[in-house]
Amino acid sequence: MVEAAEMASVITLSSDSDSDSEVEIVGYFSNKNVTFPLSWVRVEVDALHVQSNNNYIKPRSNSGVLDLTGHDNNIGMQAHKTFLADAESHAVMLCSRSLSMVYSCIEVSYPEGTLQLLSDLLKPGYYPPKDITLHLLKDILLNPQCPLHFCRKAFSLLIQTQRNKFVDKESVSWNWEMLNDVMENKELRPEIVCMFLNYVAQTLEDDFNTKKSTSAPNESIVKVMLSFDKQFPQIRDVCTWLFSVIVKSTDDNHSKGDQISFSRMVVRFQKMLSLALEVDSSPAIASAKLSQELFHVLISNAPLRPQRMLLLDSLQSKRLRCKLLEHLLDYSCPVKTSVPMSLSLLLHFLKNCILSPDPNDGTDKWRRWEELLCHLWTLLLSYSNAMKDYLSGSLKEQRHTTGTWIYKPEDVLTICAVREAAEAFMSRSQDDIGEALPLHVEESLTYLQDYLMEKCQH
């Protein structure tokens, strides 16, 4: 609450619209020398124009929410980061006096009162102590007996708390034991598990980005929780959980809502793996190690095609996708070679690989050849990106490189070799299915051949 004596100015907003407009102030104004982010002021109005220098700040799309970043996206992003930094530096922990009624509600197990009081107290710039956050997590969000609307409210407050004050490795309320218990708890609804994973991933990402901007990624929660050299068993846990939710997301026995929750969990786990790779000082070695782990998870579970494709499509690291595809295609190739990952190896796979049939294919034998072409295209594009030198070094090195292609001797192709590999693919596929490939599969092969032939001329 702001005292009347503190008010130094009055903000006047006007609308060109004749209809009523709603303005919600979610921060406060004071004459004290304190800077607060513009993101704390949310203006719900469709016809408001504010002029600043030579730029007009107008509603973004049709949402009625003002775009306060100006026309230059880079400037807007930089301003947003500055606002977040300001919020961090001025965030204040709620005092025990203001939380007395909250603690009373907790003591008598009155979650509705707890949530309502915290909703009133958690204004921008304020955050609760760690024990309150832990209560929201363990006793409300992750309590199977709590009504769903209480869980959703607790999740909303957790995200709001995280927005007001990023946690770090000292203040984070969850730990690996809690995450492991959640993933093993069969009583929790998929939507609840998804909310929890969303909060976990958000805390990891926010803290990592903060530490990265100050050149201290080794002090991040990601480094503590998902270190390749010290915590690889926990990375292995993430791989196992990832594949488990992939299987569930493609299982029609689950409801549509649960499948959506499982699909969102896939994204959260992939974000965790991506952050683990990014924080590592040797990302190339880490990618090789992680790709081996994912490969073993795949072959030990004999997944169906939709599950394989979802795993590959959801990977957020191009280098990791490249390494995993290399393992999968080498596993499916009867003719082994010592050629390292390169365009020559891609031609070798095109010429010799054959995937196992999928149980759901029925008489459509051509589908495994379509999948093989899809893998080859993905491998080519992932390799092209992974061979940029800005993706070849550590996080520190990436900031100082520009991203030029690094050619290797094995990347030098001949038109004759490309044509021979494409013809071998066509011949093998027709022998397998007893007829020509569908037109769209043949077109994909032709495009791949043309692309590789263009590489021969450079």
Protein backbone atom coordinates (compact mmCIF):
# COMPACT_ATOMS: atom_id res chain seq x y z
CA MET A 1 0.00 0.00 0.00
CA VAL A 2 1.35 3.46 -0.88
CA GLU A 3 0.96 6.32 1.56
CA ALA A 4 -0.75 9.43 0.16
CA ALA A 5 2.29 11.54 1.07
CA GLU A 6 4.44 9.41 -1.20
CA MET A 7 2.42 10.15 -4.31
CA ALA A 8 4.30 12.65 -6.45
CA SER A 9 2.51 12.41 -9.78
CA VAL A 10 -0.70 11.30 -11.36
CA ILE A 11 -0.71 9.06 -14.44
CA THR A 12 -3.50 9.87 -16.88
CA LEU A 13 -4.44 7.40 -19.63
CA SER A 14 -7.08 8.15 -22.23
CA SER A 15 -8.84 6.10 -24.84
CA ASP A 16 -10.07 7.06 -28.29
CA SER A 17 -12.88 4.57 -27.84
CA ASP A 18 -16.35 5.61 -26.67
CA SER A 19 -16.73 2.33 -24.87
CA ASP A 20 -15.50 1.73 -21.36
CA SER A 21 -11.87 0.75 -21.02
CA GLU A 22 -10.34 -1.09 -18.14
CA VAL A 23 -6.93 -0.16 -16.76
CA GLU A 24 -5.35 -2.44 -14.20
CA ILE A 25 -2.29 -1.25 -12.30
CA VAL A 26 -0.42 -4.24 -10.93
CA GLY A 27 2.47 -2.18 -9.50
CA TYR A 28 2.65 1.14 -7.71
CA PHE A 29 4.16 4.58 -8.17
CA SER A 30 6.40 6.25 -5.62
CA ASN A 31 8.61 9.31 -5.57
CA LYS A 32 11.39 7.24 -4.12
CA ASN A 33 14.38 6.60 -6.38
CA VAL A 34 13.34 3.09 -7.36
CA THR A 35 13.00 1.77 -10.91
CA PHE A 36 10.27 -0.73 -11.65
CA PRO A 37 9.72 -2.65 -14.91
CA LEU A 38 6.99 -1.55 -17.27
CA SER A 39 5.84 -5.16 -17.36
CA TRP A 40 4.27 -4.49 -13.95
CA VAL A 41 1.70 -2.21 -15.57
CA ARG A 42 -0.85 -4.08 -17.65
CA VAL A 43 -3.28 -1.94 -19.63
CA GLU A 44 -6.36 -3.74 -20.88
CA VAL A 45 -7.55 -1.35 -23.59
CA ASP A 46 -7.95 -1.63 -27.33
CA ALA A 47 -7.76 1.99 -28.46
CA LEU A 48 -5.00 3.54 -26.40
CA HIS A 49 -2.06 5.38 -28.00
CA VAL A 50 0.94 6.50 -26.02
CA GLN A 51 3.68 8.51 -27.71
CA SER A 52 7.29 8.25 -26.59
CA ASN A 53 9.90 10.13 -28.62
CA ASN A 54 9.20 9.14 -32.23
CA ASN A 55 7.58 5.80 -31.52
CA TYR A 56 3.97 5.02 -30.80
CA ILE A 57 3.24 2.26 -28.36
CA LYS A 58 0.14 0.49 -29.57
CA PRO A 59 -1.87 -2.56 -28.59
CA ARG A 60 -0.23 -5.78 -29.76
CA SER A 61 -2.45 -7.59 -32.30
CA ASN A 62 -6.04 -7.72 -31.10
CA SER A 63 -5.37 -8.76 -27.55
CA GLY A 64 -5.75 -5.29 -26.05
CA VAL A 65 -2.39 -5.68 -24.30
CA LEU A 66 0.05 -2.86 -24.89
CA ASP A 67 3.36 -3.61 -26.59
CA LEU A 68 5.76 -1.50 -24.57
CA THR A 69 8.84 -2.63 -26.48
CA GLY A 70 8.67 -0.23 -29.45
CA HIS A 71 9.22 -1.21 -33.08
CA ASP A 72 12.74 -2.58 -32.69
CA ASN A 73 12.54 -6.10 -31.29
CA ASN A 74 16.18 -6.10 -30.22
CA ILE A 75 15.71 -2.88 -28.27
CA GLY A 76 12.54 -4.30 -26.76
CA MET A 77 14.25 -7.49 -25.66
CA GLN A 78 17.13 -5.56 -24.13
CA ALA A 79 14.68 -3.30 -22.31
CA HIS A 80 12.81 -6.35 -21.02
CA LYS A 81 16.06 -7.81 -19.64
CA THR A 82 16.80 -4.49 -17.97
CA PHE A 83 13.33 -4.48 -16.43
CA LEU A 84 13.87 -8.00 -15.09
CA ALA A 85 17.20 -6.98 -13.61
CA ASP A 86 15.54 -3.99 -11.93
CA ALA A 87 12.81 -6.22 -10.52
CA GLU A 88 15.40 -8.65 -9.18
CA SER A 89 17.43 -5.96 -7.46
CA HIS A 90 14.41 -4.40 -5.74
CA ALA A 91 12.36 -7.50 -4.89
CA VAL A 92 11.44 -7.68 -1.20
CA MET A 93 10.66 -10.77 0.85
CA LEU A 94 7.31 -10.67 2.61
CA CYS A 95 7.87 -10.17 6.34
CA SER A 96 6.67 -12.60 9.00
CA ARG A 97 4.26 -9.98 10.32
CA SER A 98 2.37 -9.75 7.02
CA LEU A 99 2.40 -13.55 6.76
CA SER A 100 1.02 -14.23 10.23
CA MET A 101 -2.47 -15.06 8.96
CA VAL A 102 -0.99 -17.20 6.18
CA TYR A 103 0.90 -19.28 8.74
CA SER A 104 -2.28 -19.56 10.80
CA CYS A 105 -4.14 -20.97 7.78
CA ILE A 106 -1.30 -23.41 7.14
CA GLU A 107 -1.35 -24.53 10.77
CA VAL A 108 -5.06 -25.37 10.67
CA SER A 109 -4.82 -26.92 7.16
CA TYR A 110 -7.01 -24.32 5.47
CA PRO A 111 -5.61 -24.21 1.90
CA GLU A 112 -8.36 -21.98 0.53
CA GLY A 113 -7.49 -19.26 3.03
CA THR A 114 -3.77 -19.74 2.43
CA LEU A 115 -4.18 -19.29 -1.31
CA GLN A 116 -6.45 -16.26 -1.00
CA LEU A 117 -4.17 -14.46 1.46
CA LEU A 118 -1.09 -15.13 -0.66
CA SER A 119 -2.93 -13.89 -3.74
CA ASP A 120 -3.52 -10.60 -1.94
CA LEU A 121 0.05 -10.33 -0.67
CA LEU A 122 2.04 -11.39 -3.73
CA LYS A 123 2.14 -8.11 -5.59
CA PRO A 124 4.95 -7.38 -8.05
CA GLY A 125 8.20 -6.82 -6.22
CA TYR A 126 7.34 -9.11 -3.32
CA TYR A 127 8.04 -12.80 -2.81
CA PRO A 128 7.40 -15.25 0.04
CA PRO A 129 10.06 -17.05 2.11
CA LYS A 130 11.20 -20.49 1.05
CA ASP A 131 8.99 -22.36 3.53
CA ILE A 132 5.86 -20.81 2.02
CA THR A 133 6.94 -21.79 -1.50
CA LEU A 134 7.66 -25.30 -0.26
CA HIS A 135 4.18 -25.47 1.28
CA LEU A 136 2.60 -24.44 -2.03
CA LEU A 137 4.57 -27.17 -3.76
CA LYS A 138 4.31 -30.14 -1.42
CA ASP A 139 1.11 -29.56 0.53
CA ILE A 140 -1.14 -28.10 -2.15
CA LEU A 141 0.09 -28.59 -5.73
CA LEU A 142 1.45 -32.11 -5.15
CA ASN A 143 -1.22 -33.19 -2.67
CA PRO A 144 -3.43 -35.82 -4.38
CA GLN A 145 -6.26 -34.94 -1.97
CA CYS A 146 -6.34 -31.25 -2.96
CA PRO A 147 -9.08 -30.14 -5.37
CA LEU A 148 -7.83 -29.40 -8.85
CA HIS A 149 -8.72 -25.70 -8.69
CA PHE A 150 -6.59 -25.35 -5.54
CA CYS A 151 -3.68 -27.00 -7.35
CA ARG A 152 -4.05 -24.66 -10.30
CA LYS A 153 -4.12 -21.64 -8.00
CA ALA A 154 -1.01 -22.87 -6.17
CA PHE A 155 0.77 -23.30 -9.50
CA SER A 156 -0.23 -19.79 -10.54
CA LEU A 157 1.21 -18.39 -7.29
CA LEU A 158 4.43 -20.37 -7.75
CA ILE A 159 4.92 -18.95 -11.23
CA GLN A 160 4.07 -15.45 -9.98
CA THR A 161 6.61 -15.86 -7.17
CA GLN A 162 9.24 -17.00 -9.65
CA ARG A 163 8.45 -14.02 -11.86
CA ASN A 164 8.88 -11.62 -8.95
CA LYS A 165 12.11 -13.18 -7.69
CA PHE A 166 14.16 -15.83 -9.53
CA VAL A 167 15.31 -18.63 -7.25
CA ASP A 168 18.92 -19.81 -7.23
CA LYS A 169 20.68 -22.94 -5.97
CA GLU A 170 20.40 -21.69 -2.39
CA SER A 171 16.72 -20.70 -2.42
CA VAL A 172 15.19 -23.28 -4.78
CA SER A 173 12.35 -25.18 -3.06
CA TRP A 174 12.44 -28.42 -5.03
CA ASN A 175 15.19 -31.02 -5.15
CA TRP A 176 15.88 -34.17 -7.13
CA GLU A 177 14.31 -36.41 -4.52
CA MET A 178 11.06 -34.47 -4.84
CA LEU A 179 11.17 -34.65 -8.64
CA ASN A 180 11.82 -38.39 -8.49
CA ASP A 181 8.92 -38.92 -6.07
CA VAL A 182 6.57 -36.95 -8.33
CA MET A 183 7.49 -39.03 -11.38
CA GLU A 184 6.90 -42.25 -9.44
CA ASN A 185 3.64 -41.16 -7.81
CA LYS A 186 0.80 -42.86 -9.69
CA GLU A 187 -1.87 -40.95 -7.75
CA LEU A 188 -0.98 -37.57 -9.24
CA ARG A 189 -2.98 -36.45 -12.25
CA PRO A 190 -0.93 -35.86 -15.43
CA GLU A 191 -2.01 -32.21 -15.40
CA ILE A 192 -0.51 -31.76 -11.91
CA VAL A 193 2.76 -33.44 -12.88
CA CYS A 194 2.88 -31.21 -15.95
CA MET A 195 2.41 -28.08 -13.80
CA PHE A 196 5.21 -29.18 -11.48
CA LEU A 197 7.57 -29.88 -14.39
CA ASN A 198 6.69 -26.51 -15.87
CA TYR A 199 7.71 -24.84 -12.62
CA VAL A 200 10.90 -26.91 -12.40
CA ALA A 201 11.92 -26.11 -15.98
CA GLN A 202 11.12 -22.43 -15.47
CA THR A 203 13.32 -22.17 -12.38
CA LEU A 204 16.16 -23.93 -14.18
CA GLU A 205 15.91 -21.72 -17.26
CA ASP A 206 15.51 -18.41 -15.41
CA ASP A 207 18.45 -19.09 -13.12
CA PHE A 208 20.64 -20.31 -15.98
CA ASN A 209 19.92 -17.24 -18.11
CA THR A 210 20.68 -15.00 -15.15
CA LYS A 211 23.98 -16.76 -14.41
CA LYS A 212 24.89 -16.85 -18.10
CA SER A 213 24.47 -13.09 -18.40
CA THR A 214 26.93 -12.65 -15.52
CA SER A 215 29.37 -15.25 -16.88
CA ALA A 216 28.72 -17.58 -13.96
CA PRO A 217 26.82 -20.57 -15.45
CA ASN A 218 28.72 -22.97 -13.18
CA GLU A 219 26.85 -21.45 -10.23
CA SER A 220 23.45 -22.26 -11.75
CA ILE A 221 20.89 -24.80 -10.56
CA VAL A 222 21.33 -26.62 -13.87
CA LYS A 223 25.00 -27.22 -13.12
CA VAL A 224 24.17 -28.51 -9.65
CA MET A 225 21.27 -30.75 -10.73
CA LEU A 226 22.30 -31.87 -14.23
CA SER A 227 26.08 -31.93 -14.39
CA PHE A 228 27.45 -34.48 -16.86
CA ASP A 229 30.56 -35.10 -14.78
CA LYS A 230 28.94 -35.21 -11.32
CA GLN A 231 25.23 -35.90 -11.77
CA PHE A 232 24.95 -38.10 -14.85
CA PRO A 233 22.61 -40.59 -13.09
CA GLN A 234 20.11 -37.72 -12.83
CA ILE A 235 20.48 -37.00 -16.55
CA ARG A 236 19.80 -40.70 -17.09
CA ASP A 237 16.63 -40.28 -15.01
CA VAL A 238 15.47 -37.47 -17.30
CA CYS A 239 16.06 -39.67 -20.37
CA THR A 240 13.98 -42.46 -18.84
CA TRP A 241 11.16 -40.11 -17.84
CA LEU A 242 11.27 -38.46 -21.26
CA PHE A 243 10.72 -41.71 -23.11
CA SER A 244 8.01 -42.77 -20.65
CA VAL A 245 5.91 -39.66 -21.30
CA ILE A 246 6.56 -39.96 -25.05
CA VAL A 247 4.99 -43.43 -24.98
CA LYS A 248 2.03 -42.16 -22.94
CA SER A 249 1.49 -39.15 -25.20
CA THR A 250 1.05 -41.47 -28.21
CA ASP A 251 -1.17 -43.98 -26.38
CA ASP A 252 -4.80 -43.61 -27.42
CA ASN A 253 -5.90 -45.37 -24.22
CA HIS A 254 -5.26 -42.10 -22.39
CA SER A 255 -7.75 -39.25 -22.57
CA LYS A 256 -7.12 -36.33 -24.90
CA GLY A 257 -6.43 -34.05 -21.95
CA ASP A 258 -3.89 -36.45 -20.47
CA GLN A 259 -2.18 -36.86 -23.85
CA ILE A 260 -1.81 -33.07 -24.09
CA SER A 261 -0.28 -33.01 -20.59
CA PHE A 262 2.15 -35.78 -21.52
CA SER A 263 3.12 -33.93 -24.70
CA ARG A 264 3.88 -30.82 -22.65
CA MET A 265 6.00 -32.91 -20.30
CA VAL A 266 8.05 -34.01 -23.30
CA VAL A 267 8.90 -30.37 -23.99
CA ARG A 268 9.84 -29.75 -20.35
CA PHE A 269 12.20 -32.72 -20.20
CA GLN A 270 13.77 -31.75 -23.51
CA LYS A 271 14.33 -28.25 -22.12
CA MET A 272 16.13 -29.78 -19.14
CA LEU A 273 18.42 -31.81 -21.42
CA SER A 274 19.06 -28.79 -23.61
CA LEU A 275 20.08 -26.69 -20.60
CA ALA A 276 22.34 -29.49 -19.34
CA LEU A 277 24.16 -29.49 -22.68
CA GLU A 278 24.39 -25.72 -22.83
CA VAL A 279 25.92 -25.33 -19.39
CA ASP A 280 28.54 -28.02 -19.97
CA SER A 281 32.08 -26.83 -20.71
CA SER A 282 32.49 -29.52 -23.42
CA PRO A 283 29.14 -29.66 -25.27
CA ALA A 284 30.45 -31.91 -28.05
CA ILE A 285 31.52 -34.58 -25.56
CA ALA A 286 28.32 -34.13 -23.55
CA SER A 287 26.20 -34.51 -26.70
CA ALA A 288 27.98 -37.74 -27.60
CA LYS A 289 27.40 -39.10 -24.09
CA LEU A 290 23.75 -38.06 -24.00
CA SER A 291 23.05 -39.39 -27.50
CA GLN A 292 24.40 -42.80 -26.42
CA GLU A 293 22.07 -42.79 -23.43
CA LEU A 294 19.01 -41.87 -25.52
CA PHE A 295 19.98 -44.46 -28.13
CA HIS A 296 20.12 -47.23 -25.52
CA VAL A 297 16.74 -46.14 -24.14
CA LEU A 298 15.30 -46.37 -27.66
CA ILE A 299 16.63 -49.76 -28.68
CA SER A 300 15.84 -51.32 -25.29
CA ASN A 301 12.16 -50.31 -25.58
CA ALA A 302 11.58 -51.17 -29.27
CA PRO A 303 9.44 -48.07 -29.85
CA LEU A 304 6.85 -47.58 -32.55
CA ARG A 305 7.47 -45.05 -35.31
CA PRO A 306 5.37 -42.23 -33.76
CA GLN A 307 7.42 -42.52 -30.58
CA ARG A 308 10.75 -42.45 -32.43
CA MET A 309 9.67 -39.48 -34.49
CA LEU A 310 8.39 -37.56 -31.46
CA LEU A 311 11.68 -38.07 -29.63
CA LEU A 312 13.69 -36.81 -32.60
CA ASP A 313 11.37 -33.93 -33.43
CA SER A 314 11.26 -32.67 -29.85
CA LEU A 315 15.03 -32.56 -29.34
CA GLN A 316 16.06 -28.93 -28.87
CA SER A 317 19.77 -29.42 -29.57
CA LYS A 318 20.70 -29.82 -33.25
CA ARG A 319 24.00 -31.39 -32.30
CA LEU A 320 22.25 -33.95 -30.10
CA ARG A 321 19.74 -34.76 -32.84
CA CYS A 322 22.59 -35.26 -35.28
CA LYS A 323 24.46 -37.64 -32.95
CA LEU A 324 21.33 -39.64 -32.07
CA LEU A 325 20.39 -40.06 -35.73
CA GLU A 326 23.92 -41.18 -36.49
CA HIS A 327 23.58 -43.94 -33.87
CA LEU A 328 20.13 -45.01 -35.08
CA LEU A 329 21.11 -45.18 -38.74
CA ASP A 330 24.37 -46.97 -38.02
CA TYR A 331 22.40 -49.51 -35.97
CA SER A 332 20.07 -50.06 -38.95
CA CYS A 333 22.87 -50.31 -41.50
CA PRO A 334 24.07 -53.86 -42.36
CA VAL A 335 27.23 -52.47 -43.97
CA LYS A 336 29.42 -50.86 -41.32
CA THR A 337 31.96 -48.13 -42.00
CA SER A 338 34.57 -46.17 -40.06
CA VAL A 339 33.75 -42.91 -41.86
CA PRO A 340 33.04 -40.16 -39.27
CA MET A 341 29.89 -38.06 -39.38
CA SER A 342 30.01 -36.25 -42.70
CA LEU A 343 28.21 -35.95 -46.03
CA SER A 344 30.03 -39.12 -47.12
CA LEU A 345 28.53 -41.01 -44.17
CA LEU A 346 25.09 -39.68 -45.12
CA LEU A 347 25.57 -41.11 -48.63
CA HIS A 348 26.60 -44.41 -47.05
CA PHE A 349 23.34 -44.51 -45.07
CA LEU A 350 21.32 -43.58 -48.17
CA LYS A 351 22.93 -46.42 -50.07
CA ASN A 352 22.82 -49.18 -47.44
CA CYS A 353 20.38 -48.48 -44.56
CA ILE A 354 17.16 -50.39 -44.07
CA LEU A 355 14.85 -49.77 -41.11
CA SER A 356 12.91 -52.46 -39.28
CA PRO A 357 9.23 -52.65 -40.25
CA ASP A 358 6.75 -51.02 -37.91
CA PRO A 359 3.95 -53.28 -36.56
CA ASN A 360 1.34 -50.68 -37.53
CA ASP A 361 2.41 -50.50 -41.18
CA GLY A 362 0.38 -53.50 -42.31
CA THR A 363 0.74 -53.78 -46.08
CA ASP A 364 2.17 -50.26 -46.42
CA LYS A 365 5.79 -51.38 -46.55
CA TRP A 366 6.80 -48.11 -48.17
CA ARG A 367 6.36 -46.28 -44.88
CA ARG A 368 9.71 -47.42 -43.50
CA TRP A 369 11.41 -46.06 -46.62
CA GLU A 370 9.60 -42.79 -46.12
CA GLU A 371 10.83 -42.74 -42.51
CA LEU A 372 14.40 -43.46 -43.64
CA LEU A 373 14.30 -40.50 -46.03
CA CYS A 374 12.90 -38.33 -43.26
CA HIS A 375 15.79 -39.36 -41.00
CA LEU A 376 18.33 -38.63 -43.74
CA TRP A 377 16.89 -35.17 -44.35
CA THR A 378 16.88 -34.43 -40.63
CA LEU A 379 20.44 -35.72 -40.29
CA LEU A 380 21.56 -33.50 -43.17
CA LEU A 381 19.97 -30.36 -41.75
CA SER A 382 21.11 -31.10 -38.19
CA TYR A 383 24.65 -31.78 -39.38
CA SER A 384 24.68 -28.57 -41.41
CA ASN A 385 23.83 -26.59 -38.29
CA ALA A 386 26.03 -28.59 -35.93
CA MET A 387 29.06 -27.97 -38.15
CA LYS A 388 28.78 -24.23 -37.77
CA ASP A 389 31.65 -23.21 -35.56
CA TYR A 390 29.34 -21.24 -33.28
CA LEU A 391 27.79 -24.57 -32.29
CA SER A 392 31.09 -26.41 -32.03
CA GLY A 393 32.48 -24.76 -28.92
CA SER A 394 31.53 -24.18 -25.34
CA LEU A 395 29.05 -21.58 -24.12
CA LYS A 396 31.91 -19.13 -23.61
CA GLU A 397 33.28 -19.69 -27.13
CA GLN A 398 29.86 -19.30 -28.77
CA ARG A 399 29.69 -15.63 -27.77
CA HIS A 400 32.78 -14.78 -29.81
CA THR A 401 32.22 -16.72 -33.05
CA THR A 402 30.23 -15.94 -36.17
CA GLY A 403 29.14 -19.33 -37.49
CA THR A 404 30.88 -20.37 -40.71
CA TRP A 405 30.74 -23.85 -42.20
CA ILE A 406 33.67 -26.13 -41.32
CA TYR A 407 34.47 -28.46 -44.22
CA LYS A 408 36.09 -31.85 -43.69
CA PRO A 409 37.64 -34.11 -46.34
CA GLU A 410 34.69 -36.49 -45.91
CA ASP A 411 32.29 -33.68 -46.88
CA VAL A 412 33.66 -33.59 -50.43
CA LEU A 413 31.23 -35.49 -52.69
CA THR A 414 31.15 -36.39 -56.36
CA ILE A 415 28.08 -36.25 -58.57
CA CYS A 416 28.68 -39.87 -59.53
CA ALA A 417 28.66 -41.00 -55.86
CA VAL A 418 25.44 -39.09 -55.13
CA ARG A 419 23.69 -40.55 -58.16
CA GLU A 420 24.85 -44.07 -57.29
CA ALA A 421 23.55 -43.82 -53.72
CA ALA A 422 20.15 -42.49 -54.85
CA GLU A 423 19.77 -45.25 -57.44
CA ALA A 424 20.70 -47.87 -54.83
CA PHE A 425 18.02 -46.51 -52.49
CA MET A 426 15.40 -46.65 -55.25
CA SER A 427 16.37 -50.17 -56.26
CA ARG A 428 16.38 -51.54 -52.70
CA SER A 429 13.02 -49.98 -51.87
CA GLN A 430 11.32 -51.32 -54.99
CA ASP A 431 12.71 -54.81 -54.34
CA ASP A 432 11.31 -54.64 -50.81
CA ILE A 433 7.77 -53.44 -51.55
CA GLY A 434 7.44 -54.98 -55.00
CA GLU A 435 6.36 -51.74 -56.66
CA ALA A 436 7.34 -48.11 -57.12
CA LEU A 437 7.44 -45.82 -54.13
CA PRO A 438 4.56 -43.35 -53.68
CA LEU A 439 5.09 -40.15 -55.62
CA HIS A 440 5.73 -37.96 -52.56
CA VAL A 441 8.48 -40.32 -51.36
CA GLU A 442 10.15 -40.32 -54.77
CA GLU A 443 9.99 -36.52 -54.83
CA SER A 444 11.66 -36.36 -51.42
CA LEU A 445 14.46 -38.60 -52.70
CA THR A 446 14.86 -36.42 -55.80
CA TYR A 447 15.10 -33.26 -53.71
CA LEU A 448 17.71 -34.88 -51.47
CA GLN A 449 19.73 -35.97 -54.48
CA ASP A 450 19.57 -32.49 -56.02
CA TYR A 451 20.61 -30.87 -52.73
CA LEU A 452 23.64 -33.14 -52.39
CA MET A 453 24.61 -32.58 -56.01
CA GLU A 454 24.64 -28.84 -55.38
CA LYS A 455 27.10 -29.51 -52.57
CA CYS A 456 29.34 -31.24 -55.09
CA GLN A 457 29.76 -27.95 -56.98
CA HIS A 458 31.06 -26.00 -53.96
